[in-house]
């Protein structure tokens, strides 16, 4: 089976453009990825971030689906702990109504922001910080599929006048904490290796499949692996471009928050780091897929074999939009 190549878009705030343009550049990138044959385009959710521009993926999804023809459009993901399952179901069943056969609803447990933003999103109630996530995910699936039990007090609710459209349901995870839940409830699973490659293992998919089979779901499960990837014409250029994202991740781990640095600024900072921090930078870089189209294609295909999945989703963050566009274009040609 041919490997499917997809996109997870964090909508980075580029150094090459004003911050206000980032969401529109996501729409431009989605149009290009549709032309290049990518299978899905997912929009991530972040709150109170200077680096990532979209706190409301369903709004940007609507804009993207309106200007693309073939690519599936989804959330990667909705941070469900902040929201009512009914309202999420209403939003996404409406999207599926407007763009039939093209909408994915991906959900995640993480807050996508700080504790303070979680409190503000929950106001005037208290944030539950993911404690109700499994219950919310179960209820959301019931609203989407019309499968709430007769004992459920919300069973009589009509999500839409015609609530038959159903987006694909996906659950996101990075280190295995949600794999069993996704399999038990019957969600497809997207594993975010780009967040924590050291703790992201094929065994997570194995646990997911075991729970899926124990639950005796009738549909076929789908698995996706999401990786950080930077592609360029040469390996040297790819590593240079990757420096922006790698240094941002290292700086975040050190509690430093600043705008994305240019690749040249990153190289200057690298030379000023202590040997231990240089080693930490190198370790982050090693968790990325970085290189020429041929090198990236080889590693991507190897990961697909290792994780036994037929879909890889690409997360690419660069300082300039042109470099990001070029990376996705080269990857599409290489695979």
Protein backbone atom coordinates (compact mmCIF):
# COMPACT_ATOMS: atom_id res chain seq x y z
CA UNK A 1 0.00 0.00 0.00
CA UNK A 2 1.33 3.43 -0.94
CA UNK A 3 2.42 5.53 2.02
CA UNK A 4 0.10 8.49 2.66
CA UNK A 5 1.80 11.80 3.45
CA UNK A 6 -0.09 14.36 5.55
CA UNK A 7 0.48 17.67 7.35
CA UNK A 8 0.12 18.88 10.92
CA UNK A 9 0.22 22.68 10.83
CA UNK A 10 1.11 24.50 14.05
CA UNK A 11 0.82 27.81 12.15
CA UNK A 12 4.20 29.20 13.24
CA UNK A 13 4.66 32.95 13.55
CA UNK A 14 7.36 33.45 10.94
CA UNK A 15 10.18 35.90 11.31
CA UNK A 16 9.74 36.66 7.60
CA UNK A 17 6.16 37.98 7.96
CA UNK A 18 4.05 39.95 10.45
CA UNK A 19 2.40 37.74 13.06
CA UNK A 20 -1.07 38.65 11.82
CA UNK A 21 -0.36 36.94 8.51
CA UNK A 22 0.37 33.48 10.00
CA UNK A 23 -3.19 32.07 9.73
CA UNK A 24 -3.52 33.26 6.11
CA UNK A 25 -0.17 31.65 5.30
CA UNK A 26 -1.54 28.38 6.72
CA UNK A 27 -4.36 28.63 4.18
CA UNK A 28 -1.82 29.30 1.41
CA UNK A 29 0.27 26.30 2.48
CA UNK A 30 -2.83 24.08 2.60
CA UNK A 31 -3.71 25.03 -0.99
CA UNK A 32 -0.20 24.12 -2.10
CA UNK A 33 -0.28 20.80 -0.21
CA UNK A 34 -3.61 19.98 -1.84
CA UNK A 35 -2.00 20.52 -5.25
CA UNK A 36 1.03 18.42 -4.28
CA UNK A 37 -1.07 15.41 -3.28
CA UNK A 38 -0.89 15.43 0.51
CA UNK A 39 -3.66 13.34 2.04
CA UNK A 40 -4.67 15.35 5.14
CA UNK A 41 -4.10 18.83 6.49
CA UNK A 42 -4.57 19.19 10.24
CA UNK A 43 -4.55 22.46 12.17
CA UNK A 44 -3.20 22.49 15.74
CA UNK A 45 -4.59 24.42 18.72
CA UNK A 46 -2.38 26.66 20.87
CA UNK A 47 -3.28 29.31 23.43
CA UNK A 48 -1.33 32.34 24.66
CA UNK A 49 1.63 31.53 22.40
CA UNK A 50 4.11 33.87 20.75
CA UNK A 51 5.18 31.07 18.40
CA UNK A 52 1.96 29.47 17.14
CA UNK A 53 -0.96 31.48 15.84
CA UNK A 54 -4.17 29.42 15.97
CA UNK A 55 -6.27 28.94 19.14
CA UNK A 56 -9.39 27.94 17.16
CA UNK A 57 -8.62 25.24 14.55
CA UNK A 58 -12.24 24.76 13.46
CA UNK A 59 -12.38 28.34 12.14
CA UNK A 60 -9.21 28.00 10.08
CA UNK A 61 -10.35 24.55 8.93
CA UNK A 62 -13.45 26.13 7.42
CA UNK A 63 -11.33 28.59 5.45
CA UNK A 64 -8.98 25.82 4.28
CA UNK A 65 -11.75 23.45 3.24
CA UNK A 66 -13.35 26.29 1.27
CA UNK A 67 -10.31 26.78 -0.98
CA UNK A 68 -9.11 23.17 -1.39
CA UNK A 69 -10.58 20.32 -3.41
CA UNK A 70 -9.24 16.92 -2.38
CA UNK A 71 -7.22 17.06 0.82
CA UNK A 72 -8.92 16.00 4.06
CA UNK A 73 -9.03 18.84 6.61
CA UNK A 74 -8.96 18.34 10.34
CA UNK A 75 -7.96 19.39 13.83
CA UNK A 76 -4.70 18.19 15.21
CA UNK A 77 -6.29 18.65 17.58
CA UNK A 78 -9.11 20.16 19.57
CA UNK A 79 -7.95 20.30 23.20
CA UNK A 80 -11.11 18.69 24.53
CA UNK A 81 -10.57 19.43 28.22
CA UNK A 82 -11.57 23.06 27.57
CA UNK A 83 -14.84 22.40 25.78
CA UNK A 84 -18.32 20.94 25.87
CA UNK A 85 -18.46 17.67 23.87
CA UNK A 86 -21.83 18.73 22.47
CA UNK A 87 -20.47 22.02 21.13
CA UNK A 88 -17.48 20.28 19.54
CA UNK A 89 -19.83 17.75 17.95
CA UNK A 90 -22.03 20.56 16.60
CA UNK A 91 -19.03 22.35 15.08
CA UNK A 92 -17.56 19.30 13.39
CA UNK A 93 -20.80 17.73 12.19
CA UNK A 94 -21.57 21.09 10.61
CA UNK A 95 -18.15 21.09 8.93
CA UNK A 96 -18.79 17.57 7.64
CA UNK A 97 -22.18 18.74 6.37
CA UNK A 98 -20.56 21.58 4.43
CA UNK A 99 -17.56 19.55 3.21
CA UNK A 100 -18.77 15.93 3.08
CA UNK A 101 -16.16 13.19 3.23
CA UNK A 102 -13.30 15.57 4.01
CA UNK A 103 -13.44 16.42 7.73
CA UNK A 104 -11.40 14.89 10.57
CA UNK A 105 -12.02 15.55 14.25
CA UNK A 106 -8.81 14.99 16.17
CA UNK A 107 -8.85 15.53 19.94
CA UNK A 108 -6.11 15.77 22.54
CA UNK A 109 -5.79 15.71 26.31
CA UNK A 110 -3.07 18.40 26.60
CA UNK A 111 -4.12 21.98 27.41
CA UNK A 112 -2.31 23.58 24.48
CA UNK A 113 -1.28 26.45 26.74
CA UNK A 114 -0.56 27.46 30.32
CA UNK A 115 -2.48 26.75 33.49
CA UNK A 116 -3.63 30.35 33.43
CA UNK A 117 -5.18 29.98 29.97
CA UNK A 118 -6.91 26.79 31.12
CA UNK A 119 -8.45 28.75 33.97
CA UNK A 120 -9.53 31.56 31.66
CA UNK A 121 -11.06 29.15 29.13
CA UNK A 122 -13.04 27.44 31.90
CA UNK A 123 -14.23 30.67 33.57
CA UNK A 124 -16.58 31.08 35.39
CA UNK A 125 -16.16 27.39 36.22
CA UNK A 126 -13.01 25.60 37.37
CA UNK A 127 -10.61 23.99 34.91
CA UNK A 128 -10.45 20.22 35.34
CA UNK A 129 -7.04 19.84 33.66
CA UNK A 130 -7.90 16.69 31.73
CA UNK A 131 -9.41 14.78 34.66
CA UNK A 132 -12.67 14.32 32.71
CA UNK A 133 -11.02 13.61 29.36
CA UNK A 134 -12.03 9.95 29.00
CA UNK A 135 -15.64 10.77 29.87
CA UNK A 136 -15.64 13.73 27.47
CA UNK A 137 -14.16 11.62 24.66
CA UNK A 138 -16.79 8.93 25.17
CA UNK A 139 -19.60 11.47 25.19
CA UNK A 140 -18.23 13.25 22.11
CA UNK A 141 -18.18 9.99 20.17
CA UNK A 142 -21.78 9.37 21.24
CA UNK A 143 -22.87 12.78 19.95
CA UNK A 144 -20.99 12.33 16.66
CA UNK A 145 -22.33 8.84 15.98
CA UNK A 146 -25.74 9.18 17.62
CA UNK A 147 -24.80 6.28 19.89
CA UNK A 148 -25.44 7.63 23.38
CA UNK A 149 -27.14 5.04 25.57
CA UNK A 150 -30.82 5.35 26.44
CA UNK A 151 -29.81 5.99 30.03
CA UNK A 152 -27.76 9.03 29.04
CA UNK A 153 -29.72 12.23 29.84
CA UNK A 154 -28.45 13.83 26.59
CA UNK A 155 -29.56 10.95 24.37
CA UNK A 156 -32.59 12.87 23.04
CA UNK A 157 -30.54 15.85 21.82
CA UNK A 158 -30.52 16.40 18.06
CA UNK A 159 -27.02 17.66 17.30
CA UNK A 160 -28.25 19.03 13.95
CA UNK A 161 -31.59 18.80 12.14
CA UNK A 162 -29.87 16.21 9.96
CA UNK A 163 -27.12 14.88 12.17
CA UNK A 164 -26.14 11.95 9.96
CA UNK A 165 -22.79 13.41 8.71
CA UNK A 166 -19.89 12.03 10.73
CA UNK A 167 -16.32 13.35 10.63
CA UNK A 168 -13.54 10.81 11.14
CA UNK A 169 -12.67 10.54 14.83
CA UNK A 170 -9.01 10.64 15.89
CA UNK A 171 -7.28 10.77 19.25
CA UNK A 172 -3.84 12.33 19.61
CA UNK A 173 -1.09 11.19 21.93
CA UNK A 174 2.67 11.49 22.28
CA UNK A 175 3.90 8.93 24.80
CA UNK A 176 1.21 6.28 25.04
CA UNK A 177 -1.06 7.67 27.76
CA UNK A 178 -4.08 7.78 25.45
CA UNK A 179 -3.42 4.69 23.32
CA UNK A 180 -5.51 2.29 25.41
CA UNK A 181 -8.36 4.78 25.68
CA UNK A 182 -8.37 5.42 21.91
CA UNK A 183 -8.49 1.71 21.19
CA UNK A 184 -11.17 1.04 23.78
CA UNK A 185 -13.45 3.84 22.58
CA UNK A 186 -12.88 3.21 18.88
CA UNK A 187 -10.99 6.34 17.86
CA UNK A 188 -8.31 6.26 15.20
CA UNK A 189 -4.92 7.18 16.68
CA UNK A 190 -2.33 9.80 15.76
CA UNK A 191 0.98 9.45 17.57
CA UNK A 192 2.94 12.70 17.91
CA UNK A 193 6.55 11.58 17.72
CA UNK A 194 7.56 15.19 17.08
CA UNK A 195 6.71 16.09 20.69
CA UNK A 196 8.65 13.37 22.51
CA UNK A 197 10.65 11.10 20.17
CA UNK A 198 12.59 9.52 23.05
CA UNK A 199 9.41 8.08 24.58
CA UNK A 200 7.49 7.41 21.38
CA UNK A 201 7.70 3.70 20.61
CA UNK A 202 5.96 1.25 18.23
CA UNK A 203 4.67 -0.57 21.33
CA UNK A 204 2.17 2.30 21.76
CA UNK A 205 0.45 1.26 18.54
CA UNK A 206 0.54 -2.36 19.74
CA UNK A 207 -1.32 -1.40 22.94
CA UNK A 208 -3.82 0.54 20.86
CA UNK A 209 -4.51 -2.43 18.59
CA UNK A 210 -4.90 -4.80 21.56
CA UNK A 211 -7.52 -2.55 23.14
CA UNK A 212 -9.30 -2.08 19.82
CA UNK A 213 -9.58 -5.84 19.36
CA UNK A 214 -10.69 -6.41 22.96
CA UNK A 215 -13.47 -3.85 22.46
CA UNK A 216 -14.56 -5.73 19.30
CA UNK A 217 -15.11 -2.64 17.16
CA UNK A 218 -16.51 -3.40 13.72
CA UNK A 219 -14.67 -0.68 11.78
CA UNK A 220 -11.03 -0.83 10.72
CA UNK A 221 -8.60 1.17 12.89
CA UNK A 222 -6.28 3.76 11.37
CA UNK A 223 -2.86 4.76 12.70
CA UNK A 224 -0.83 7.84 11.88
CA UNK A 225 2.67 8.82 12.97
CA UNK A 226 3.42 12.57 13.13
CA UNK A 227 7.08 13.55 12.88
CA UNK A 228 9.16 16.74 12.81
CA UNK A 229 10.79 17.04 9.41
CA UNK A 230 12.80 19.67 7.54
CA UNK A 231 13.78 19.06 3.93
CA UNK A 232 16.11 21.04 1.63
CA UNK A 233 18.21 20.49 -1.47
CA UNK A 234 21.28 19.71 0.67
CA UNK A 235 21.71 18.16 4.11
CA UNK A 236 23.66 21.20 5.28
CA UNK A 237 20.86 23.58 4.30
CA UNK A 238 18.22 21.33 5.90
CA UNK A 239 20.11 21.31 9.21
CA UNK A 240 20.50 25.08 9.02
CA UNK A 241 16.75 25.55 8.46
CA UNK A 242 15.92 23.11 11.26
CA UNK A 243 17.91 25.17 13.75
CA UNK A 244 15.01 27.58 14.30
CA UNK A 245 12.67 24.86 15.58
CA UNK A 246 15.37 22.91 17.40
CA UNK A 247 16.61 25.94 19.34
CA UNK A 248 13.05 26.98 20.19
CA UNK A 249 12.40 23.57 21.71
CA UNK A 250 15.66 23.68 23.67
CA UNK A 251 14.97 27.23 24.88
CA UNK A 252 11.48 26.22 26.01
CA UNK A 253 12.98 23.38 28.04
CA UNK A 254 15.25 25.96 29.69
CA UNK A 255 12.30 28.25 30.47
CA UNK A 256 13.28 30.85 27.86
CA UNK A 257 10.57 32.33 25.65
CA UNK A 258 11.52 34.50 22.70
CA UNK A 259 10.52 34.89 19.07
CA UNK A 260 11.86 32.42 16.51
CA UNK A 261 15.52 33.03 15.71
CA UNK A 262 16.93 33.04 12.18
CA UNK A 263 19.06 30.01 11.26
CA UNK A 264 22.19 32.20 11.41
CA UNK A 265 21.25 33.50 14.86
CA UNK A 266 20.81 29.91 16.03
CA UNK A 267 24.29 29.00 14.83
CA UNK A 268 25.74 31.93 16.75
CA UNK A 269 23.82 30.93 19.89
CA UNK A 270 24.96 27.31 19.49
CA UNK A 271 28.61 28.35 19.64
CA UNK A 272 27.91 30.18 22.91
CA UNK A 273 26.22 27.18 24.57
CA UNK A 274 28.00 25.02 27.13
CA UNK A 275 29.07 21.55 25.94
CA UNK A 276 26.15 19.98 27.82
CA UNK A 277 23.62 22.30 26.16
CA UNK A 278 25.22 21.71 22.76
CA UNK A 279 24.72 17.99 23.40
CA UNK A 280 21.07 18.68 24.33
CA UNK A 281 20.61 20.67 21.09
CA UNK A 282 22.13 17.82 19.09
CA UNK A 283 19.81 15.35 20.80
CA UNK A 284 16.75 17.40 19.84
CA UNK A 285 18.02 17.63 16.25
CA UNK A 286 18.54 13.86 16.14
CA UNK A 287 14.83 13.41 16.93
CA UNK A 288 13.95 15.25 13.71
CA UNK A 289 13.97 13.91 10.17
CA UNK A 290 16.32 16.34 8.42
CA UNK A 291 18.03 16.15 5.05
CA UNK A 292 17.62 16.00 1.31
CA UNK A 293 14.44 14.63 -0.28
CA UNK A 294 16.14 11.27 -0.70
CA UNK A 295 17.37 11.17 2.90
CA UNK A 296 14.00 12.22 4.28
CA UNK A 297 12.13 9.72 2.11
CA UNK A 298 14.38 6.90 3.28
CA UNK A 299 13.88 7.74 6.96
CA UNK A 300 10.14 8.29 6.58
CA UNK A 301 9.68 4.94 4.87
CA UNK A 302 11.77 3.27 7.58
CA UNK A 303 9.61 4.82 10.31
CA UNK A 304 6.47 3.61 8.55
CA UNK A 305 7.88 0.08 8.57
CA UNK A 306 9.04 0.32 12.18
CA UNK A 307 5.68 1.62 13.41
CA UNK A 308 3.61 -0.53 11.02
CA UNK A 309 1.54 2.37 9.74
CA UNK A 310 0.67 3.59 6.26
CA UNK A 311 0.43 7.31 7.03
CA UNK A 312 3.07 9.78 8.14
CA UNK A 313 2.17 13.35 9.01
CA UNK A 314 4.79 16.08 8.73
CA UNK A 315 5.33 18.94 11.18
CA UNK A 316 7.64 21.59 9.73
CA UNK A 317 8.57 24.80 11.53
CA UNK A 318 11.00 27.25 9.93
CA UNK A 319 11.87 30.92 10.33
CA UNK A 320 10.62 31.83 6.87
CA UNK A 321 7.48 30.82 5.04
CA UNK A 322 9.46 30.28 1.83
CA UNK A 323 11.65 27.65 3.52
CA UNK A 324 8.60 25.88 4.92
CA UNK A 325 6.82 25.86 1.58
CA UNK A 326 9.97 24.55 -0.09
CA UNK A 327 10.35 21.77 2.48
CA UNK A 328 6.83 20.43 1.90
CA UNK A 329 7.27 20.72 -1.88
CA UNK A 330 10.53 18.77 -1.86
CA UNK A 331 9.07 16.07 0.42
CA UNK A 332 6.10 15.59 -1.89
CA UNK A 333 8.44 15.15 -4.85
CA UNK A 334 10.75 12.81 -2.90
CA UNK A 335 7.96 10.47 -1.89
